PDB file of N, CA and C in Angstrom:
ATOM      1  N   MET A   1       6.272  36.764  38.816  1.00  0.00           N
ATOM      2  CA  MET A   1       5.841  36.420  37.488  1.00  0.00           C
ATOM      3  C   MET A   1       4.884  35.221  37.522  1.00  0.00           C
ATOM      4  N   ASN A   2       5.154  34.284  38.422  1.00  0.00           N
ATOM      5  CA  ASN A   2       4.265  33.129  38.529  1.00  0.00           C
ATOM      6  C   ASN A   2       2.857  33.533  38.941  1.00  0.00           C
ATOM      7  N   ASN A   3       2.747  34.508  39.834  1.00  0.00           N
ATOM      8  CA  ASN A   3       1.422  34.974  40.250  1.00  0.00           C
ATOM      9  C   ASN A   3       0.640  35.535  39.068  1.00  0.00           C
ATOM     10  N   LEU A   4       1.309  36.319  38.233  1.00  0.00           N
ATOM     11  CA  LEU A   4       0.636  36.902  37.078  1.00  0.00           C
ATOM     12  C   LEU A   4       0.272  35.818  36.070  1.00  0.00           C
ATOM     13  N   SER A   5       1.172  34.877  35.839  1.00  0.00           N
ATOM     14  CA  SER A   5       0.883  33.782  34.912  1.00  0.00           C
ATOM     15  C   SER A   5      -0.282  32.936  35.410  1.00  0.00           C
ATOM     16  N   TYR A   6      -0.299  32.664  36.707  1.00  0.00           N
ATOM     17  CA  TYR A   6      -1.392  31.906  37.314  1.00  0.00           C
ATOM     18  C   TYR A   6      -2.725  32.630  37.096  1.00  0.00           C
ATOM     19  N   ARG A   7      -2.706  33.934  37.336  1.00  0.00           N
ATOM     20  CA  ARG A   7      -3.933  34.721  37.164  1.00  0.00           C
ATOM     21  C   ARG A   7      -4.384  34.724  35.703  1.00  0.00           C
ATOM     22  N   TRP A   8      -3.428  34.893  34.789  1.00  0.00           N
ATOM     23  CA  TRP A   8      -3.741  34.919  33.363  1.00  0.00           C
ATOM     24  C   TRP A   8      -4.407  33.603  32.943  1.00  0.00           C
ATOM     25  N   ALA A   9      -3.913  32.494  33.467  1.00  0.00           N
ATOM     26  CA  ALA A   9      -4.430  31.186  33.085  1.00  0.00           C
ATOM     27  C   ALA A   9      -5.808  30.892  33.691  1.00  0.00           C
ATOM     28  N   ARG A  10      -6.165  31.566  34.777  1.00  0.00           N
ATOM     29  CA  ARG A  10      -7.369  31.190  35.501  1.00  0.00           C
ATOM     30  C   ARG A  10      -8.456  32.264  35.582  1.00  0.00           C
ATOM     31  N   THR A  11      -8.200  33.434  35.011  1.00  0.00           N
ATOM     32  CA  THR A  11      -9.227  34.480  35.019  1.00  0.00           C
ATOM     33  C   THR A  11      -9.383  35.031  33.609  1.00  0.00           C
ATOM     34  N   THR A  12     -10.388  35.858  33.430  1.00  0.00           N
ATOM     35  CA  THR A  12     -10.632  36.440  32.095  1.00  0.00           C
ATOM     36  C   THR A  12     -10.787  37.959  32.143  1.00  0.00           C
ATOM     37  N   ASP A  13     -10.355  38.576  33.242  1.00  0.00           N
ATOM     38  CA  ASP A  13     -10.592  40.017  33.366  1.00  0.00           C
ATOM     39  C   ASP A  13      -9.506  40.865  32.698  1.00  0.00           C
ATOM     40  N   TRP A  14      -8.382  40.292  32.312  1.00  0.00           N
ATOM     41  CA  TRP A  14      -7.349  41.024  31.579  1.00  0.00           C
ATOM     42  C   TRP A  14      -7.308  40.523  30.149  1.00  0.00           C
ATOM     43  N   ASP A  15      -7.016  41.448  29.220  1.00  0.00           N
ATOM     44  CA  ASP A  15      -6.741  41.023  27.853  1.00  0.00           C
ATOM     45  C   ASP A  15      -5.219  40.904  27.693  1.00  0.00           C
ATOM     46  N   ALA A  16      -4.783  40.490  26.522  1.00  0.00           N
ATOM     47  CA  ALA A  16      -3.351  40.267  26.277  1.00  0.00           C
ATOM     48  C   ALA A  16      -2.541  41.547  26.489  1.00  0.00           C
ATOM     49  N   ARG A  17      -3.090  42.658  26.069  1.00  0.00           N
ATOM     50  CA  ARG A  17      -2.395  43.942  26.221  1.00  0.00           C
ATOM     51  C   ARG A  17      -2.158  44.268  27.700  1.00  0.00           C
ATOM     52  N   GLN A  18      -3.157  44.053  28.515  1.00  0.00           N
ATOM     53  CA  GLN A  18      -3.043  44.328  29.952  1.00  0.00           C
ATOM     54  C   GLN A  18      -2.111  43.327  30.635  1.00  0.00           C
ATOM     55  N   PHE A  19      -2.141  42.073  30.199  1.00  0.00           N
ATOM     56  CA  PHE A  19      -1.262  41.055  30.767  1.00  0.00           C
ATOM     57  C   PHE A  19       0.209  41.375  30.475  1.00  0.00           C
ATOM     58  N   GLY A  20       0.517  41.752  29.237  1.00  0.00           N
ATOM     59  CA  GLY A  20       1.892  42.111  28.891  1.00  0.00           C
ATOM     60  C   GLY A  20       2.385  43.314  29.680  1.00  0.00           C
ATOM     61  N   ILE A  21       1.519  44.302  29.841  1.00  0.00           N
ATOM     62  CA  ILE A  21       1.877  45.487  30.632  1.00  0.00           C
ATOM     63  C   ILE A  21       2.072  45.114  32.095  1.00  0.00           C
ATOM     64  N   ALA A  22       1.227  44.230  32.620  1.00  0.00           N
ATOM     65  CA  ALA A  22       1.384  43.798  34.013  1.00  0.00           C
ATOM     66  C   ALA A  22       2.740  43.116  34.208  1.00  0.00           C
ATOM     67  N   MET A  23       3.135  42.260  33.280  1.00  0.00           N
ATOM     68  CA  MET A  23       4.442  41.602  33.372  1.00  0.00           C
ATOM     69  C   MET A  23       5.566  42.636  33.313  1.00  0.00           C
ATOM     70  N   HIS A  24       5.450  43.573  32.386  1.00  0.00           N
ATOM     71  CA  HIS A  24       6.456  44.625  32.265  1.00  0.00           C
ATOM     72  C   HIS A  24       6.563  45.424  33.563  1.00  0.00           C
ATOM     73  N   ALA A  25       5.420  45.872  34.080  1.00  0.00           N
ATOM     74  CA  ALA A  25       5.418  46.710  35.285  1.00  0.00           C
ATOM     75  C   ALA A  25       5.937  45.948  36.501  1.00  0.00           C
ATOM     76  N   GLU A  26       5.626  44.675  36.591  1.00  0.00           N
ATOM     77  CA  GLU A  26       6.110  43.876  37.717  1.00  0.00           C
ATOM     78  C   GLU A  26       7.634  43.709  37.626  1.00  0.00           C
ATOM     79  N   LEU A  27       8.139  43.517  36.435  1.00  0.00           N
ATOM     80  CA  LEU A  27       9.600  43.432  36.265  1.00  0.00           C
ATOM     81  C   LEU A  27      10.270  44.759  36.610  1.00  0.00           C
ATOM     82  N   VAL A  28       9.670  45.858  36.201  1.00  0.00           N
ATOM     83  CA  VAL A  28      10.218  47.171  36.564  1.00  0.00           C
ATOM     84  C   VAL A  28      10.245  47.304  38.088  1.00  0.00           C
ATOM     85  N   ARG A  29       9.184  46.841  38.737  1.00  0.00           N
ATOM     86  CA  ARG A  29       9.076  46.950  40.193  1.00  0.00           C
ATOM     87  C   ARG A  29      10.174  46.173  40.901  1.00  0.00           C
ATOM     88  N   ILE A  30      10.455  44.952  40.466  1.00  0.00           N
ATOM     89  CA  ILE A  30      11.463  44.146  41.159  1.00  0.00           C
ATOM     90  C   ILE A  30      12.884  44.456  40.700  1.00  0.00           C
ATOM     91  N   HIS A  31      13.026  45.145  39.557  1.00  0.00           N
ATOM     92  CA  HIS A  31      14.330  45.622  39.068  1.00  0.00           C
ATOM     93  C   HIS A  31      15.384  44.499  39.087  1.00  0.00           C
ATOM     94  N   PRO A  32      15.184  43.445  38.270  1.00  0.00           N
ATOM     95  CA  PRO A  32      16.016  42.247  38.385  1.00  0.00           C
ATOM     96  C   PRO A  32      17.411  42.327  37.771  1.00  0.00           C
ATOM     97  N   PHE A  33      17.668  43.305  36.931  1.00  0.00           N
ATOM     98  CA  PHE A  33      18.932  43.336  36.221  1.00  0.00           C
ATOM     99  C   PHE A  33      19.831  44.447  36.746  1.00  0.00           C
ATOM    100  N   VAL A  34      21.142  44.195  36.737  1.00  0.00           N
ATOM    101  CA  VAL A  34      22.095  45.206  37.180  1.00  0.00           C
ATOM    102  C   VAL A  34      22.059  46.397  36.233  1.00  0.00           C
ATOM    103  N   ASP A  35      21.972  46.121  34.945  1.00  0.00           N
ATOM    104  CA  ASP A  35      21.950  47.174  33.935  1.00  0.00           C
ATOM    105  C   ASP A  35      20.942  46.779  32.858  1.00  0.00           C
ATOM    106  N   GLY A  36      20.351  47.723  32.219  1.00  0.00           N
ATOM    107  CA  GLY A  36      19.461  47.454  31.102  1.00  0.00           C
ATOM    108  C   GLY A  36      18.051  47.069  31.496  1.00  0.00           C
ATOM    109  N   ASN A  37      17.595  47.451  32.682  1.00  0.00           N
ATOM    110  CA  ASN A  37      16.242  47.102  33.097  1.00  0.00           C
ATOM    111  C   ASN A  37      15.183  47.649  32.147  1.00  0.00           C
ATOM    112  N   GLY A  38      15.346  48.863  31.701  1.00  0.00           N
ATOM    113  CA  GLY A  38      14.350  49.452  30.804  1.00  0.00           C
ATOM    114  C   GLY A  38      14.222  48.682  29.514  1.00  0.00           C
ATOM    115  N   ARG A  39      15.335  48.451  28.851  1.00  0.00           N
ATOM    116  CA  ARG A  39      15.305  47.712  27.582  1.00  0.00           C
ATOM    117  C   ARG A  39      14.785  46.293  27.776  1.00  0.00           C
ATOM    118  N   ALA A  40      15.304  45.611  28.780  1.00  0.00           N
ATOM    119  CA  ALA A  40      14.920  44.214  29.008  1.00  0.00           C
ATOM    120  C   ALA A  40      13.448  44.096  29.392  1.00  0.00           C
ATOM    121  N   THR A  41      12.970  44.962  30.277  1.00  0.00           N
ATOM    122  CA  THR A  41      11.580  44.847  30.709  1.00  0.00           C
ATOM    123  C   THR A  41      10.612  45.237  29.598  1.00  0.00           C
ATOM    124  N   ARG A  42      10.994  46.182  28.749  1.00  0.00           N
ATOM    125  CA  ARG A  42      10.149  46.518  27.597  1.00  0.00           C
ATOM    126  C   ARG A  42      10.116  45.357  26.612  1.00  0.00           C
ATOM    127  N   LEU A  43      11.261  44.731  26.370  1.00  0.00           N
ATOM    128  CA  LEU A  43      11.306  43.577  25.462  1.00  0.00           C
ATOM    129  C   LEU A  43      10.452  42.435  26.008  1.00  0.00           C
ATOM    130  N   ILE A  44      10.591  42.129  27.283  1.00  0.00           N
ATOM    131  CA  ILE A  44       9.818  41.038  27.873  1.00  0.00           C
ATOM    132  C   ILE A  44       8.320  41.369  27.832  1.00  0.00           C
ATOM    133  N   GLY A  45       7.967  42.612  28.101  1.00  0.00           N
ATOM    134  CA  GLY A  45       6.567  43.015  27.990  1.00  0.00           C
ATOM    135  C   GLY A  45       6.028  42.784  26.586  1.00  0.00           C
ATOM    136  N   ASP A  46       6.806  43.172  25.575  1.00  0.00           N
ATOM    137  CA  ASP A  46       6.395  42.944  24.187  1.00  0.00           C
ATOM    138  C   ASP A  46       6.261  41.450  23.885  1.00  0.00           C
ATOM    139  N   LEU A  47       7.222  40.651  24.337  1.00  0.00           N
ATOM    140  CA  LEU A  47       7.185  39.210  24.067  1.00  0.00           C
ATOM    141  C   LEU A  47       5.993  38.537  24.749  1.00  0.00           C
ATOM    142  N   VAL A  48       5.709  38.938  25.987  1.00  0.00           N
ATOM    143  CA  VAL A  48       4.538  38.381  26.683  1.00  0.00           C
ATOM    144  C   VAL A  48       3.263  38.790  25.959  1.00  0.00           C
ATOM    145  N   TYR A  49       3.187  40.050  25.556  1.00  0.00           N
ATOM    146  CA  TYR A  49       2.011  40.533  24.819  1.00  0.00           C
ATOM    147  C   TYR A  49       1.837  39.734  23.531  1.00  0.00           C
ATOM    148  N   LEU A  50       2.918  39.556  22.776  1.00  0.00           N
ATOM    149  CA  LEU A  50       2.843  38.786  21.531  1.00  0.00           C
ATOM    150  C   LEU A  50       2.391  37.350  21.791  1.00  0.00           C
ATOM    151  N   ALA A  51       2.953  36.719  22.814  1.00  0.00           N
ATOM    152  CA  ALA A  51       2.619  35.328  23.116  1.00  0.00           C
ATOM    153  C   ALA A  51       1.168  35.173  23.565  1.00  0.00           C
ATOM    154  N   ALA A  52       0.629  36.190  24.223  1.00  0.00           N
ATOM    155  CA  ALA A  52      -0.731  36.103  24.769  1.00  0.00           C
ATOM    156  C   ALA A  52      -1.809  36.456  23.748  1.00  0.00           C
ATOM    157  N   GLN A  53      -1.398  37.051  22.626  1.00  0.00           N
ATOM    158  CA  GLN A  53      -2.379  37.453  21.618  1.00  0.00           C
ATOM    159  C   GLN A  53      -2.920  36.230  20.895  1.00  0.00           C
ATOM    160  N   GLY A  54      -4.151  36.286  20.549  1.00  0.00           N
ATOM    161  CA  GLY A  54      -4.742  35.228  19.743  1.00  0.00           C
ATOM    162  C   GLY A  54      -4.371  35.407  18.280  1.00  0.00           C
ATOM    163  N   THR A  55      -4.894  34.554  17.471  1.00  0.00           N
ATOM    164  CA  THR A  55      -4.615  34.618  16.035  1.00  0.00           C
ATOM    165  C   THR A  55      -5.725  35.330  15.277  1.00  0.00           C
ATOM    166  N   ASP A  56      -6.660  35.935  16.007  1.00  0.00           N
ATOM    167  CA  ASP A  56      -7.804  36.600  15.379  1.00  0.00           C
ATOM    168  C   ASP A  56      -7.433  37.903  14.675  1.00  0.00           C
ATOM    169  N   SER A  57      -6.361  38.527  15.109  1.00  0.00           N
ATOM    170  CA  SER A  57      -5.973  39.821  14.549  1.00  0.00           C
ATOM    171  C   SER A  57      -4.464  39.842  14.327  1.00  0.00           C
ATOM    172  N   PRO A  58      -3.983  40.826  13.559  1.00  0.00           N
ATOM    173  CA  PRO A  58      -2.538  40.906  13.325  1.00  0.00           C
ATOM    174  C   PRO A  58      -1.775  41.133  14.626  1.00  0.00           C
ATOM    175  N   PRO A  59      -0.569  40.599  14.730  1.00  0.00           N
ATOM    176  CA  PRO A  59       0.209  40.782  15.954  1.00  0.00           C
ATOM    177  C   PRO A  59       0.549  42.257  16.185  1.00  0.00           C
ATOM    178  N   ALA A  60       0.719  42.606  17.458  1.00  0.00           N
ATOM    179  CA  ALA A  60       1.041  43.981  17.825  1.00  0.00           C
ATOM    180  C   ALA A  60       2.033  43.980  18.983  1.00  0.00           C
ATOM    181  N   VAL A  61       2.770  45.074  19.085  1.00  0.00           N
ATOM    182  CA  VAL A  61       3.683  45.314  20.205  1.00  0.00           C
ATOM    183  C   VAL A  61       3.358  46.694  20.763  1.00  0.00           C
ATOM    184  N   TYR A  62       3.954  47.013  21.894  1.00  0.00           N
ATOM    185  CA  TYR A  62       3.738  48.323  22.497  1.00  0.00           C
ATOM    186  C   TYR A  62       4.587  49.375  21.796  1.00  0.00           C
ATOM    187  N   ASP A  63       4.089  50.593  21.744  1.00  0.00           N
ATOM    188  CA  ASP A  63       4.838  51.741  21.239  1.00  0.00           C
ATOM    189  C   ASP A  63       5.393  52.469  22.456  1.00  0.00           C
ATOM    190  N   TRP A  64       6.678  52.242  22.716  1.00  0.00           N
ATOM    191  CA  TRP A  64       7.301  52.768  23.935  1.00  0.00           C
ATOM    192  C   TRP A  64       7.755  54.220  23.807  1.00  0.00           C
ATOM    193  N   SER A  65       7.438  54.896  22.718  1.00  0.00           N
ATOM    194  CA  SER A  65       7.787  56.316  22.596  1.00  0.00           C
ATOM    195  C   SER A  65       6.677  57.146  23.244  1.00  0.00           C
ATOM    196  N   ILE A  66       6.711  57.186  24.563  1.00  0.00           N
ATOM    197  CA  ILE A  66       5.642  57.788  25.355  1.00  0.00           C
ATOM    198  C   ILE A  66       6.207  58.846  26.301  1.00  0.00           C
ATOM    199  N   ASP A  67       5.319  59.621  26.890  1.00  0.00           N
ATOM    200  CA  ASP A  67       5.728  60.632  27.866  1.00  0.00           C
ATOM    201  C   ASP A  67       6.245  59.933  29.126  1.00  0.00           C
ATOM    202  N   LYS A  68       7.526  60.147  29.423  1.00  0.00           N
ATOM    203  CA  LYS A  68       8.181  59.425  30.514  1.00  0.00           C
ATOM    204  C   LYS A  68       7.591  59.759  31.887  1.00  0.00           C
ATOM    205  N   ARG A  69       7.251  61.010  32.125  1.00  0.00           N
ATOM    206  CA  ARG A  69       6.716  61.402  33.429  1.00  0.00           C
ATOM    207  C   ARG A  69       5.390  60.684  33.731  1.00  0.00           C
ATOM    208  N   THR A  70       4.495  60.690  32.746  1.00  0.00           N
ATOM    209  CA  THR A  70       3.212  60.006  32.925  1.00  0.00           C
ATOM    210  C   THR A  70       3.422  58.510  33.089  1.00  0.00           C
ATOM    211  N   TYR A  71       4.323  57.945  32.293  1.00  0.00           N
ATOM    212  CA  TYR A  71       4.652  56.524  32.371  1.00  0.00           C
ATOM    213  C   TYR A  71       5.133  56.161  33.781  1.00  0.00           C
ATOM    214  N   ILE A  72       6.029  56.945  34.339  1.00  0.00           N
ATOM    215  CA  ILE A  72       6.556  56.672  35.686  1.00  0.00           C
ATOM    216  C   ILE A  72       5.439  56.808  36.728  1.00  0.00           C
ATOM    217  N   ASP A  73       4.604  57.821  36.571  1.00  0.00           N
ATOM    218  CA  ASP A  73       3.474  57.976  37.499  1.00  0.00           C
ATOM    219  C   ASP A  73       2.554  56.755  37.449  1.00  0.00           C
ATOM    220  N   LEU A  74       2.298  56.235  36.264  1.00  0.00           N
ATOM    221  CA  LEU A  74       1.437  55.062  36.128  1.00  0.00           C
ATOM    222  C   LEU A  74       2.116  53.793  36.651  1.00  0.00           C
ATOM    223  N   LEU A  75       3.434  53.697  36.507  1.00  0.00           N
ATOM    224  CA  LEU A  75       4.162  52.577  37.110  1.00  0.00           C
ATOM    225  C   LEU A  75       4.051  52.629  38.628  1.00  0.00           C
ATOM    226  N   ARG A  76       4.155  53.815  39.190  1.00  0.00           N
ATOM    227  CA  ARG A  76       4.011  53.967  40.641  1.00  0.00           C
ATOM    228  C   ARG A  76       2.603  53.586  41.095  1.00  0.00           C
ATOM    229  N   ALA A  77       1.607  53.954  40.313  1.00  0.00           N
ATOM    230  CA  ALA A  77       0.235  53.562  40.648  1.00  0.00           C
ATOM    231  C   ALA A  77       0.094  52.044  40.598  1.00  0.00           C
ATOM    232  N   PHE A  78       0.715  51.404  39.606  1.00  0.00           N
ATOM    233  CA  PHE A  78       0.688  49.944  39.541  1.00  0.00           C
ATOM    234  C   PHE A  78       1.326  49.341  40.788  1.00  0.00           C
ATOM    235  N   ASP A  79       2.415  49.914  41.251  1.00  0.00           N
ATOM    236  CA  ASP A  79       3.066  49.420  42.471  1.00  0.00           C
ATOM    237  C   ASP A  79       2.106  49.438  43.660  1.00  0.00           C
ATOM    238  N   GLN A  80       1.204  50.400  43.686  1.00  0.00           N
ATOM    239  CA  GLN A  80       0.270  50.546  44.802  1.00  0.00           C
ATOM    240  C   GLN A  80      -0.932  49.609  44.703  1.00  0.00           C
ATOM    241  N   ASN A  81      -1.452  49.423  43.472  1.00  0.00           N
ATOM    242  CA  ASN A  81      -2.724  48.705  43.356  1.00  0.00           C
ATOM    243  C   ASN A  81      -2.704  47.478  42.443  1.00  0.00           C
ATOM    244  N   ARG A  82      -1.596  47.239  41.777  1.00  0.00           N
ATOM    245  CA  ARG A  82      -1.432  46.104  40.862  1.00  0.00           C
ATOM    246  C   ARG A  82      -2.491  46.061  39.757  1.00  0.00           C
ATOM    247  N   ASP A  83      -2.982  47.221  39.381  1.00  0.00           N
ATOM    248  CA  ASP A  83      -3.955  47.321  38.297  1.00  0.00           C
ATOM    249  C   ASP A  83      -3.224  47.782  37.033  1.00  0.00           C
ATOM    250  N   PRO A  84      -3.078  46.922  36.019  1.00  0.00           N
ATOM    251  CA  PRO A  84      -2.344  47.302  34.821  1.00  0.00           C
ATOM    252  C   PRO A  84      -3.177  48.091  33.805  1.00  0.00           C
ATOM    253  N   ILE A  85      -4.465  48.211  34.033  1.00  0.00           N
ATOM    254  CA  ILE A  85      -5.332  48.799  33.020  1.00  0.00           C
ATOM    255  C   ILE A  85      -4.981  50.254  32.690  1.00  0.00           C
ATOM    256  N   PRO A  86      -4.780  51.163  33.662  1.00  0.00           N
ATOM    257  CA  PRO A  86      -4.425  52.541  33.288  1.00  0.00           C
ATOM    258  C   PRO A  86      -3.119  52.623  32.476  1.00  0.00           C
ATOM    259  N   LEU A  87      -2.131  51.837  32.855  1.00  0.00           N
ATOM    260  CA  LEU A  87      -0.859  51.850  32.118  1.00  0.00           C
ATOM    261  C   LEU A  87      -1.053  51.260  30.726  1.00  0.00           C
ATOM    262  N   ALA A  88      -1.826  50.183  30.608  1.00  0.00           N
ATOM    263  CA  ALA A  88      -2.085  49.574  29.302  1.00  0.00           C
ATOM    264  C   ALA A  88      -2.837  50.529  28.381  1.00  0.00           C
ATOM    265  N   GLU A  89      -3.751  51.294  28.952  1.00  0.00           N
ATOM    266  CA  GLU A  89      -4.492  52.269  28.147  1.00  0.00           C
ATOM    267  C   GLU A  89      -3.612  53.431  27.716  1.00  0.00           C
ATOM    268  N   PHE A  90      -2.593  53.746  28.514  1.00  0.00           N
ATOM    269  CA  PHE A  90      -1.695  54.855  28.198  1.00  0.00           C
ATOM    270  C   PHE A  90      -0.690  54.487  27.108  1.00  0.00           C
ATOM    271  N   VAL A  91      -0.151  53.284  27.162  1.00  0.00           N
ATOM    272  CA  VAL A  91       0.882  52.868  26.204  1.00  0.00           C
ATOM    273  C   VAL A  91       0.199  52.382  24.926  1.00  0.00           C
ATOM    274  N   PRO A  92       0.398  53.093  23.818  1.00  0.00           N
ATOM    275  CA  PRO A  92      -0.251  52.682  22.574  1.00  0.00           C
ATOM    276  C   PRO A  92       0.404  51.410  22.014  1.00  0.00           C
ATOM    277  N   ILE A  93      -0.252  50.837  21.035  1.00  0.00           N
ATOM    278  CA  ILE A  93       0.295  49.645  20.391  1.00  0.00           C
ATOM    279  C   ILE A  93       0.628  49.931  18.941  1.00  0.00           C
ATOM    280  N   LEU A  94       1.535  49.131  18.404  1.00  0.00           N
ATOM    281  CA  LEU A  94       1.912  49.172  17.000  1.00  0.00           C
ATOM    282  C   LEU A  94       1.576  47.821  16.394  1.00  0.00           C
ATOM    283  N   VAL A  95       0.750  47.816  15.369  1.00  0.00           N
ATOM    284  CA  VAL A  95       0.408  46.570  14.686  1.00  0.00           C
ATOM    285  C   VAL A  95       1.565  46.203  13.753  1.00  0.00           C
ATOM    286  N   ILE A  96       1.972  44.942  13.822  1.00  0.00           N
ATOM    287  CA  ILE A  96       3.053  44.431  12.975  1.00  0.00           C
ATOM    288  C   ILE A  96       2.428  43.925  11.684  1.00  0.00           C
ATOM    289  N   GLU A  97       2.875  44.481  10.579  1.00  0.00           N
ATOM    290  CA  GLU A  97       2.312  44.076   9.277  1.00  0.00           C
ATOM    291  C   GLU A  97       3.295  43.264   8.503  1.00  0.00           C
TER     292      GLU A  97
END
């Protein structure tokens, strides 16, 4: 997580949506919890995304009602290349009103 935070603070190639997905995918990869990894990692991804968003637009979270097979395939691709962009593009967002 520190590596991703360091990168977020010092580069500009990811947006907030991609950063939140990267945190989520990295947590899924390390599988830190005995139980509830899916719920916890999705929540943390949403919280990181919310925290990283600017105030220019309404806040948004991820819409996790997605095709599980494609999601798992994209998580596996992230494990190989650490590129969150395909997964971020796949997972839609929900604007909080």
